[in-house]
């Protein structure tokens, strides 16, 4: 198998070393973390993944809230916890 050398900032290296399992190579750690990106199973997994997503602008957030509010007003389900 061929290999490539990459440079990472010290704080990134420390984060990576912190999630590296005993006996696991850095390559395997990176591979495992990449595989986990699309496999969020808990709220914690989702929140961790959100750290790499750009924040919404204020206007976009306001638009999304308005759409949610409008949809709640026209909601026709008899039993739910949206209000």
Protein backbone atom coordinates (compact mmCIF):
# COMPACT_ATOMS: atom_id res chain seq x y z
CA UNK A 1 0.00 0.00 0.00
CA UNK A 2 1.34 3.44 -0.84
CA UNK A 3 1.27 6.34 1.59
CA UNK A 4 1.21 10.13 1.55
CA UNK A 5 2.52 12.54 4.13
CA UNK A 6 0.21 15.34 5.27
CA UNK A 7 0.73 18.29 7.59
CA UNK A 8 -1.81 19.22 10.24
CA UNK A 9 -1.84 21.99 12.84
CA UNK A 10 -0.83 20.98 16.35
CA UNK A 11 -4.36 21.41 17.71
CA UNK A 12 -5.71 19.13 14.97
CA UNK A 13 -3.06 16.51 15.76
CA UNK A 14 -4.01 16.68 19.46
CA UNK A 15 -7.70 16.21 18.63
CA UNK A 16 -6.88 13.27 16.36
CA UNK A 17 -4.61 11.71 18.98
CA UNK A 18 -7.42 12.12 21.50
CA UNK A 19 -9.85 10.01 19.47
CA UNK A 20 -7.25 7.49 18.33
CA UNK A 21 -7.86 4.08 19.88
CA UNK A 22 -5.12 2.07 21.53
CA UNK A 23 -3.16 0.19 18.86
CA UNK A 24 -4.90 2.06 16.04
CA UNK A 25 -2.79 3.86 13.44
CA UNK A 26 -3.53 7.47 12.58
CA UNK A 27 -4.50 6.31 9.08
CA UNK A 28 -7.04 3.88 10.48
CA UNK A 29 -8.34 6.54 12.89
CA UNK A 30 -8.91 8.98 10.03
CA UNK A 31 -10.54 6.25 7.94
CA UNK A 32 -12.87 5.31 10.83
CA UNK A 33 -13.85 8.94 11.44
CA UNK A 34 -14.58 9.52 7.77
CA UNK A 35 -16.74 6.39 7.69
CA UNK A 36 -18.70 7.69 10.68
CA UNK A 37 -19.59 10.99 9.01
CA UNK A 38 -22.62 9.58 7.24
CA UNK A 39 -23.60 7.21 10.02
CA UNK A 40 -24.96 9.52 12.72
CA UNK A 41 -27.16 7.49 15.04
CA UNK A 42 -27.61 9.79 18.01
CA UNK A 43 -28.17 13.45 18.66
CA UNK A 44 -24.61 13.61 19.95
CA UNK A 45 -23.31 12.24 16.62
CA UNK A 46 -25.35 14.81 14.72
CA UNK A 47 -24.16 17.69 16.92
CA UNK A 48 -20.55 16.66 16.46
CA UNK A 49 -21.06 16.65 12.70
CA UNK A 50 -22.65 20.09 12.77
CA UNK A 51 -19.42 21.68 13.95
CA UNK A 52 -18.16 21.51 10.37
CA UNK A 53 -21.30 23.02 8.82
CA UNK A 54 -21.35 26.75 8.10
CA UNK A 55 -23.74 28.79 10.22
CA UNK A 56 -26.92 30.19 8.71
CA UNK A 57 -27.13 33.88 8.11
CA UNK A 58 -29.59 35.75 10.29
CA UNK A 59 -31.93 36.26 7.32
CA UNK A 60 -31.86 32.56 6.38
CA UNK A 61 -32.55 31.55 9.98
CA UNK A 62 -35.48 33.98 10.17
CA UNK A 63 -36.88 32.58 6.91
CA UNK A 64 -36.63 29.01 8.20
CA UNK A 65 -38.35 29.93 11.47
CA UNK A 66 -41.16 31.63 9.54
CA UNK A 67 -41.70 28.53 7.41
CA UNK A 68 -41.81 26.30 10.51
CA UNK A 69 -44.28 28.65 12.22
CA UNK A 70 -46.49 28.75 9.11
CA UNK A 71 -46.49 24.97 8.81
CA UNK A 72 -47.40 24.59 12.48
CA UNK A 73 -50.40 26.88 11.93
CA UNK A 74 -51.75 24.72 9.10
CA UNK A 75 -50.86 21.39 10.75
CA UNK A 76 -53.82 19.01 10.69
CA UNK A 77 -52.57 16.05 12.75
CA UNK A 78 -54.80 15.23 15.66
CA UNK A 79 -52.00 14.14 18.00
CA UNK A 80 -48.51 15.63 18.00
CA UNK A 81 -46.13 17.65 20.15
CA UNK A 82 -45.29 20.52 17.83
CA UNK A 83 -46.91 23.29 19.90
